[in-house]
Structure formats: structure tokens, C-alpha cells
Amino acid sequence: MKRIGLFGGSFNPIHNGHIALAKTLLRQCALDEVWLMVSPQNPLKRHSSDLLDDNLRYKMAEIALEGVEGVKACDYELKLPKPSYTWNTLQHLHEDYPDDEFVMLIGGDNWALFPKWYRAEDILRNHRVVVYPRRGSEIDQSVLPANVTVVDTELLDISSTMIRERVSKGKSITGYVPSVIEPLVQNYYCGCGKETP
């Protein structure tokens, strides 16, 4: 049996902060693997016109994670029916990987919204949830359910939004994304081209 951490997100684009956090969670939570699960449009977020094609975001994540031991890009959720609800994804995963344990890895901002998630109570009854801090999202640990834990990870001041803005203004993104995908990020988010990696 493997203990697999599910780190979901749009990864629009993936950046060094995502990768550093995944490696920290892999170690701190004693996981066998962390899957960066590239998600389609979040049902709780308004439609974003700058959300890059699903497969392009996945391919960039896959390239960025080559050689990162224990962390891999995952397109599982992209193949499921929409809308993309975490509960549905977990049900499908249990059917396909019945011997593995899946642990939810979510940020403090998502934990604040968790009561709005589809079948949130069912998720909490059946799965361990690990919450990592996000700037501006306070977590009251005194009221956490028994199977929810908070881990102490570094707050990284880097976001996909910031990277997209830098690209749109012609600014460097060196050091913010893995060098292997830097040309792809520059290309996709400047509006110059949408070729497949």
C-alpha cells in the first residue's frame, strides 16, 4: 500500500513554489508520493479567461517535475466528467487504486472554503486532510476535526498569477519557474503562441 498525497491545483503555470511545497509535504507527512493533480476549472471559482488549456498545463507540470523524486504530475482529474468535484475524484481513485491511501493536501485558503465543497462532510469522514499555511489565511487549530492536521511549511511569496503578470509585462521569470519550462511559460502566457510542448 502506498500513501499518496493529492496536491490539486490549476498549475497555471506550475512554479518553483509548488515544487518546493510538494517536496516538503512529501517529507513532513511521511508520504510515498505526492501527485500534483492538474485540475480543470474549479467549480468554486469564476471562469478564468487566462486559464491555459488543460493538457498544456499538465505537460508543463510533467516536464517541470522530471527528476523530482517522489513528486509527479497527474492528469487523472482531467479525464473525469465535469464539473470537477474532489469527492468524485476520490471515489474514482479508490476504484482504480483500491490498495492505496489518498491524503488531501490543501492550502489554508481552501480550508476556509472547505464547508462549501461538494460532500465536504463525506470527504472528512473518509480521508485524512493536511492543511498547509497560506498568507492571509488564519487556521484555528482548536476546532479542527480529528483527521485534519496543519503542517508548518514555509510561506513562499510566489504565485501563478504573479508569473502570468510578469510575462504579460515582458519581465523576467527566471528563478520563479524551473528553467526547463521557462521558454514555454513565456510563449504560452504572452499570447504569442499555443504550440504543444
C-alpha atoms as a PDB file:
ATOM      1  CA  MET A   1       0.000   0.000   0.000  1.00  0.00           C
ATOM      2  CA  LYS A   2       1.202   3.479  -0.849  1.00  0.00           C
ATOM      3  CA  ARG A   3       0.280   6.686   0.960  1.00  0.00           C
ATOM      4  CA  ILE A   4      -0.255   9.249  -1.758  1.00  0.00           C
ATOM      5  CA  GLY A   5      -0.712  12.962  -1.178  1.00  0.00           C
ATOM      6  CA  LEU A   6      -3.088  14.681  -3.592  1.00  0.00           C
ATOM      7  CA  PHE A   7      -1.962  18.259  -4.236  1.00  0.00           C
ATOM      8  CA  GLY A   8      -4.583  19.697  -6.565  1.00  0.00           C
ATOM      9  CA  GLY A   9      -4.431  22.964  -8.438  1.00  0.00           C
ATOM     10  CA  SER A  10      -4.705  24.656 -11.776  1.00  0.00           C
ATOM     11  CA  PHE A  11      -0.891  24.994 -12.031  1.00  0.00           C
ATOM     12  CA  ASN A  12      -1.418  27.903 -14.398  1.00  0.00           C
ATOM     13  CA  PRO A  13       1.602  27.648 -14.631  1.00  0.00           C
ATOM     14  CA  ILE A  14       3.446  25.343 -12.246  1.00  0.00           C
ATOM     15  CA  HIS A  15       6.240  27.198 -10.429  1.00  0.00           C
ATOM     16  CA  ASN A  16       9.123  26.612  -8.051  1.00  0.00           C
ATOM     17  CA  GLY A  17       6.919  27.307  -5.043  1.00  0.00           C
ATOM     18  CA  HIS A  18       4.603  24.415  -5.946  1.00  0.00           C
ATOM     19  CA  ILE A  19       7.556  22.065  -6.299  1.00  0.00           C
ATOM     20  CA  ALA A  20       9.264  23.140  -3.067  1.00  0.00           C
ATOM     21  CA  LEU A  21       5.983  22.762  -1.169  1.00  0.00           C
ATOM     22  CA  ALA A  22       5.306  19.309  -2.647  1.00  0.00           C
ATOM     23  CA  LYS A  23       8.774  18.116  -1.617  1.00  0.00           C
ATOM     24  CA  THR A  24       8.256  19.460   1.913  1.00  0.00           C
ATOM     25  CA  LEU A  25       4.845  17.794   2.239  1.00  0.00           C
ATOM     26  CA  LEU A  26       6.250  14.521   0.924  1.00  0.00           C
ATOM     27  CA  ARG A  27       8.792  14.539   3.745  1.00  0.00           C
ATOM     28  CA  GLN A  28       6.754  16.039   6.609  1.00  0.00           C
ATOM     29  CA  CYS A  29       3.683  13.883   6.028  1.00  0.00           C
ATOM     30  CA  ALA A  30       5.641  10.647   5.544  1.00  0.00           C
ATOM     31  CA  LEU A  31       4.090  10.076   2.121  1.00  0.00           C
ATOM     32  CA  ASP A  32       5.309   7.656  -0.526  1.00  0.00           C
ATOM     33  CA  GLU A  33       4.370  10.024  -3.349  1.00  0.00           C
ATOM     34  CA  VAL A  34       2.818  13.416  -3.968  1.00  0.00           C
ATOM     35  CA  TRP A  35       0.673  13.760  -7.070  1.00  0.00           C
ATOM     36  CA  LEU A  36       0.313  17.284  -8.416  1.00  0.00           C
ATOM     37  CA  MET A  37      -3.172  16.810  -9.774  1.00  0.00           C
ATOM     38  CA  VAL A  38      -3.771  19.295 -12.564  1.00  0.00           C
ATOM     39  CA  SER A  39      -7.393  20.363 -12.254  1.00  0.00           C
ATOM     40  CA  PRO A  40      -9.878  21.674 -14.779  1.00  0.00           C
ATOM     41  CA  GLN A  41     -11.928  24.751 -13.908  1.00  0.00           C
ATOM     42  CA  ASN A  42     -12.553  24.908 -10.148  1.00  0.00           C
ATOM     43  CA  PRO A  43     -16.341  24.764  -9.517  1.00  0.00           C
ATOM     44  CA  LEU A  44     -15.950  27.352  -6.726  1.00  0.00           C
ATOM     45  CA  LYS A  45     -14.061  29.865  -8.847  1.00  0.00           C
ATOM     46  CA  ARG A  46     -15.446  32.060 -11.577  1.00  0.00           C
ATOM     47  CA  HIS A  47     -14.368  31.122 -15.082  1.00  0.00           C
ATOM     48  CA  SER A  48     -10.926  32.454 -15.844  1.00  0.00           C
ATOM     49  CA  SER A  49     -10.167  33.605 -19.372  1.00  0.00           C
ATOM     50  CA  ASP A  50      -6.421  33.210 -18.749  1.00  0.00           C
ATOM     51  CA  LEU A  51      -6.656  29.537 -17.759  1.00  0.00           C
ATOM     52  CA  LEU A  52      -4.394  27.751 -20.228  1.00  0.00           C
ATOM     53  CA  ASP A  53      -5.569  24.568 -21.957  1.00  0.00           C
ATOM     54  CA  ASP A  54      -5.720  21.592 -19.572  1.00  0.00           C
ATOM     55  CA  ASN A  55      -3.230  19.463 -21.485  1.00  0.00           C
ATOM     56  CA  LEU A  56      -0.704  22.279 -21.858  1.00  0.00           C
ATOM     57  CA  ARG A  57      -0.739  22.890 -18.099  1.00  0.00           C
ATOM     58  CA  TYR A  58      -0.309  19.172 -17.475  1.00  0.00           C
ATOM     59  CA  LYS A  59       2.550  18.813 -19.984  1.00  0.00           C
ATOM     60  CA  MET A  60       4.407  21.754 -18.435  1.00  0.00           C
ATOM     61  CA  ALA A  61       3.993  20.217 -14.983  1.00  0.00           C
ATOM     62  CA  GLU A  62       5.203  16.861 -16.277  1.00  0.00           C
ATOM     63  CA  ILE A  63       8.320  18.426 -17.820  1.00  0.00           C
ATOM     64  CA  ALA A  64       8.984  20.558 -14.727  1.00  0.00           C
ATOM     65  CA  LEU A  65       8.862  17.520 -12.428  1.00  0.00           C
ATOM     66  CA  GLU A  66      11.203  15.269 -14.390  1.00  0.00           C
ATOM     67  CA  GLY A  67      13.833  14.046 -11.948  1.00  0.00           C
ATOM     68  CA  VAL A  68      11.978  15.239  -8.827  1.00  0.00           C
ATOM     69  CA  GLU A  69      11.858  12.064  -6.768  1.00  0.00           C
ATOM     70  CA  GLY A  70       8.500  11.195  -5.218  1.00  0.00           C
ATOM     71  CA  VAL A  71       6.596  14.026  -6.911  1.00  0.00           C
ATOM     72  CA  LYS A  72       4.776  13.593 -10.193  1.00  0.00           C
ATOM     73  CA  ALA A  73       2.306  15.393 -12.415  1.00  0.00           C
ATOM     74  CA  CYS A  74      -1.098  13.749 -12.638  1.00  0.00           C
ATOM     75  CA  ASP A  75      -3.780  14.262 -15.307  1.00  0.00           C
ATOM     76  CA  TYR A  76      -6.269  11.856 -13.698  1.00  0.00           C
ATOM     77  CA  GLU A  77      -8.853  14.529 -12.912  1.00  0.00           C
ATOM     78  CA  LEU A  78      -8.733  15.936 -16.443  1.00  0.00           C
ATOM     79  CA  LYS A  79     -10.178  12.665 -17.731  1.00  0.00           C
ATOM     80  CA  LEU A  80     -13.181  12.615 -15.388  1.00  0.00           C
ATOM     81  CA  PRO A  81     -16.644  14.064 -16.087  1.00  0.00           C
ATOM     82  CA  LYS A  82     -17.154  17.758 -15.320  1.00  0.00           C
ATOM     83  CA  PRO A  83     -17.706  19.568 -13.035  1.00  0.00           C
ATOM     84  CA  SER A  84     -14.579  18.533 -11.188  1.00  0.00           C
ATOM     85  CA  TYR A  85     -15.604  17.700  -7.624  1.00  0.00           C
ATOM     86  CA  THR A  86     -12.950  16.339  -5.258  1.00  0.00           C
ATOM     87  CA  TRP A  87     -15.377  13.796  -3.795  1.00  0.00           C
ATOM     88  CA  ASN A  88     -15.994  12.309  -7.251  1.00  0.00           C
ATOM     89  CA  THR A  89     -12.255  12.195  -7.952  1.00  0.00           C
ATOM     90  CA  LEU A  90     -11.608  10.370  -4.670  1.00  0.00           C
ATOM     91  CA  GLN A  91     -14.334   7.824  -5.444  1.00  0.00           C
ATOM     92  CA  HIS A  92     -12.789   7.061  -8.838  1.00  0.00           C
ATOM     93  CA  LEU A  93      -9.302   6.833  -7.344  1.00  0.00           C
ATOM     94  CA  HIS A  94     -10.476   4.265  -4.795  1.00  0.00           C
ATOM     95  CA  GLU A  95     -11.948   2.170  -7.575  1.00  0.00           C
ATOM     96  CA  ASP A  96      -8.749   2.310  -9.624  1.00  0.00           C
ATOM     97  CA  TYR A  97      -6.240   2.113  -6.738  1.00  0.00           C
ATOM     98  CA  PRO A  98      -8.070   0.124  -4.014  1.00  0.00           C
ATOM     99  CA  ASP A  99      -4.907  -0.722  -2.073  1.00  0.00           C
ATOM    100  CA  ASP A 100      -3.615   2.844  -1.719  1.00  0.00           C
ATOM    101  CA  GLU A 101      -4.411   5.569   0.810  1.00  0.00           C
ATOM    102  CA  PHE A 102      -5.044   9.072  -0.503  1.00  0.00           C
ATOM    103  CA  VAL A 103      -4.351  12.108   1.673  1.00  0.00           C
ATOM    104  CA  MET A 104      -5.724  15.518   0.726  1.00  0.00           C
ATOM    105  CA  LEU A 105      -3.131  18.328   0.753  1.00  0.00           C
ATOM    106  CA  ILE A 106      -4.799  21.750   0.720  1.00  0.00           C
ATOM    107  CA  GLY A 107      -3.866  25.326   1.496  1.00  0.00           C
ATOM    108  CA  GLY A 108      -5.314  27.378   4.318  1.00  0.00           C
ATOM    109  CA  ASP A 109      -7.287  29.428   1.784  1.00  0.00           C
ATOM    110  CA  ASN A 110      -9.009  26.277   0.515  1.00  0.00           C
ATOM    111  CA  TRP A 111      -9.582  25.043   4.052  1.00  0.00           C
ATOM    112  CA  ALA A 112     -11.517  28.263   4.741  1.00  0.00           C
ATOM    113  CA  LEU A 113     -13.776  27.372   1.796  1.00  0.00           C
ATOM    114  CA  PHE A 114     -13.964  23.682   2.641  1.00  0.00           C
ATOM    115  CA  PRO A 115     -17.530  23.765   4.070  1.00  0.00           C
ATOM    116  CA  LYS A 116     -18.673  24.820   0.566  1.00  0.00           C
ATOM    117  CA  TRP A 117     -17.020  21.842  -1.119  1.00  0.00           C
ATOM    118  CA  TYR A 118     -19.294  19.205  -2.619  1.00  0.00           C
ATOM    119  CA  ARG A 119     -19.850  16.476   0.023  1.00  0.00           C
ATOM    120  CA  ALA A 120     -17.304  18.060   2.355  1.00  0.00           C
ATOM    121  CA  GLU A 121     -18.505  16.017   5.335  1.00  0.00           C
ATOM    122  CA  ASP A 122     -18.072  12.779   3.406  1.00  0.00           C
ATOM    123  CA  ILE A 123     -14.520  13.751   2.489  1.00  0.00           C
ATOM    124  CA  LEU A 124     -13.707  14.443   6.144  1.00  0.00           C
ATOM    125  CA  ARG A 125     -15.281  11.186   7.309  1.00  0.00           C
ATOM    126  CA  ASN A 126     -13.287   9.096   4.879  1.00  0.00           C
ATOM    127  CA  HIS A 127      -9.969  10.860   4.313  1.00  0.00           C
ATOM    128  CA  ARG A 128      -7.092  12.452   6.105  1.00  0.00           C
ATOM    129  CA  VAL A 129      -6.664  16.136   5.235  1.00  0.00           C
ATOM    130  CA  VAL A 130      -3.408  18.018   5.656  1.00  0.00           C
ATOM    131  CA  VAL A 131      -3.594  21.814   5.610  1.00  0.00           C
ATOM    132  CA  TYR A 132      -0.561  23.951   4.828  1.00  0.00           C
ATOM    133  CA  PRO A 133      -0.468  27.687   5.655  1.00  0.00           C
ATOM    134  CA  ARG A 134      -1.185  30.374   3.093  1.00  0.00           C
ATOM    135  CA  ARG A 135      -0.530  34.046   3.695  1.00  0.00           C
ATOM    136  CA  GLY A 136      -3.683  35.821   4.817  1.00  0.00           C
ATOM    137  CA  SER A 137      -5.499  32.618   5.799  1.00  0.00           C
ATOM    138  CA  GLU A 138      -5.616  32.043   9.541  1.00  0.00           C
ATOM    139  CA  ILE A 139      -6.305  28.480  10.708  1.00  0.00           C
ATOM    140  CA  ASP A 140      -7.964  27.913  14.089  1.00  0.00           C
ATOM    141  CA  GLN A 141      -6.370  24.619  15.120  1.00  0.00           C
ATOM    142  CA  SER A 142      -8.555  24.334  18.228  1.00  0.00           C
ATOM    143  CA  VAL A 143     -11.623  23.445  16.149  1.00  0.00           C
ATOM    144  CA  LEU A 144     -10.105  21.113  13.581  1.00  0.00           C
ATOM    145  CA  PRO A 145     -11.719  17.695  13.047  1.00  0.00           C
ATOM    146  CA  ALA A 146      -9.696  14.731  14.309  1.00  0.00           C
ATOM    147  CA  ASN A 147      -8.372  13.686  10.903  1.00  0.00           C
ATOM    148  CA  VAL A 148      -7.287  17.201   9.844  1.00  0.00           C
ATOM    149  CA  THR A 149      -3.757  18.323  10.653  1.00  0.00           C
ATOM    150  CA  VAL A 150      -1.844  21.505   9.985  1.00  0.00           C
ATOM    151  CA  VAL A 151       1.772  21.327   8.884  1.00  0.00           C
ATOM    152  CA  ASP A 152       4.325  24.066   9.329  1.00  0.00           C
ATOM    153  CA  THR A 153       5.647  24.878   5.873  1.00  0.00           C
ATOM    154  CA  GLU A 154       7.448  27.933   4.604  1.00  0.00           C
ATOM    155  CA  LEU A 155       5.295  30.737   3.217  1.00  0.00           C
ATOM    156  CA  LEU A 156       6.539  31.326  -0.324  1.00  0.00           C
ATOM    157  CA  ASP A 157       5.779  34.672  -1.915  1.00  0.00           C
ATOM    158  CA  ILE A 158       5.296  33.372  -5.420  1.00  0.00           C
ATOM    159  CA  SER A 159       2.098  32.710  -7.346  1.00  0.00           C
ATOM    160  CA  SER A 160       0.990  31.692 -10.803  1.00  0.00           C
ATOM    161  CA  THR A 161      -0.881  34.994 -11.091  1.00  0.00           C
ATOM    162  CA  MET A 162       2.332  36.923 -10.429  1.00  0.00           C
ATOM    163  CA  ILE A 163       4.180  34.892 -13.064  1.00  0.00           C
ATOM    164  CA  ARG A 164       1.473  35.490 -15.679  1.00  0.00           C
ATOM    165  CA  GLU A 165       1.567  39.219 -14.906  1.00  0.00           C
ATOM    166  CA  ARG A 166       5.355  39.328 -15.230  1.00  0.00           C
ATOM    167  CA  VAL A 167       5.200  37.580 -18.596  1.00  0.00           C
ATOM    168  CA  SER A 168       2.487  39.944 -19.843  1.00  0.00           C
ATOM    169  CA  LYS A 169       4.715  42.916 -18.907  1.00  0.00           C
ATOM    170  CA  GLY A 170       7.804  41.431 -20.518  1.00  0.00           C
ATOM    171  CA  LYS A 171       9.564  40.901 -17.177  1.00  0.00           C
ATOM    172  CA  SER A 172      11.914  38.028 -16.372  1.00  0.00           C
ATOM    173  CA  ILE A 173      10.568  34.926 -14.637  1.00  0.00           C
ATOM    174  CA  THR A 174      13.995  33.370 -14.081  1.00  0.00           C
ATOM    175  CA  GLY A 175      14.076  31.717 -10.660  1.00  0.00           C
ATOM    176  CA  TYR A 176      10.286  31.582 -10.404  1.00  0.00           C
ATOM    177  CA  VAL A 177       9.742  28.558 -12.639  1.00  0.00           C
ATOM    178  CA  PRO A 178      12.019  25.620 -13.464  1.00  0.00           C
ATOM    179  CA  SER A 179      14.425  26.700 -16.203  1.00  0.00           C
ATOM    180  CA  VAL A 180      13.352  23.768 -18.379  1.00  0.00           C
ATOM    181  CA  ILE A 181       9.848  25.235 -18.808  1.00  0.00           C
ATOM    182  CA  GLU A 182      10.734  28.938 -18.758  1.00  0.00           C
ATOM    183  CA  PRO A 183      10.556  29.296 -22.582  1.00  0.00           C
ATOM    184  CA  LEU A 184       7.195  27.504 -22.635  1.00  0.00           C
ATOM    185  CA  VAL A 185       5.744  29.765 -19.940  1.00  0.00           C
ATOM    186  CA  GLN A 186       6.999  32.852 -21.767  1.00  0.00           C
ATOM    187  CA  ASN A 187       5.465  31.591 -25.005  1.00  0.00           C
ATOM    188  CA  TYR A 188       2.079  30.477 -23.706  1.00  0.00           C
ATOM    189  CA  TYR A 189       1.301  33.433 -21.451  1.00  0.00           C
ATOM    190  CA  CYS A 190       2.497  36.240 -23.668  1.00  0.00           C
ATOM    191  CA  GLY A 191      -0.198  35.357 -26.197  1.00  0.00           C
ATOM    192  CA  CYS A 192       2.496  34.658 -28.804  1.00  0.00           C
ATOM    193  CA  GLY A 193       1.662  31.033 -29.439  1.00  0.00           C
ATOM    194  CA  LYS A 194      -0.088  27.957 -28.145  1.00  0.00           C
ATOM    195  CA  GLU A 195       2.034  25.154 -29.593  1.00  0.00           C
ATOM    196  CA  THR A 196       2.044  21.821 -27.811  1.00  0.00           C
ATOM    197  CA  PRO A 197       5.234  21.162 -25.802  1.00  0.00           C
END
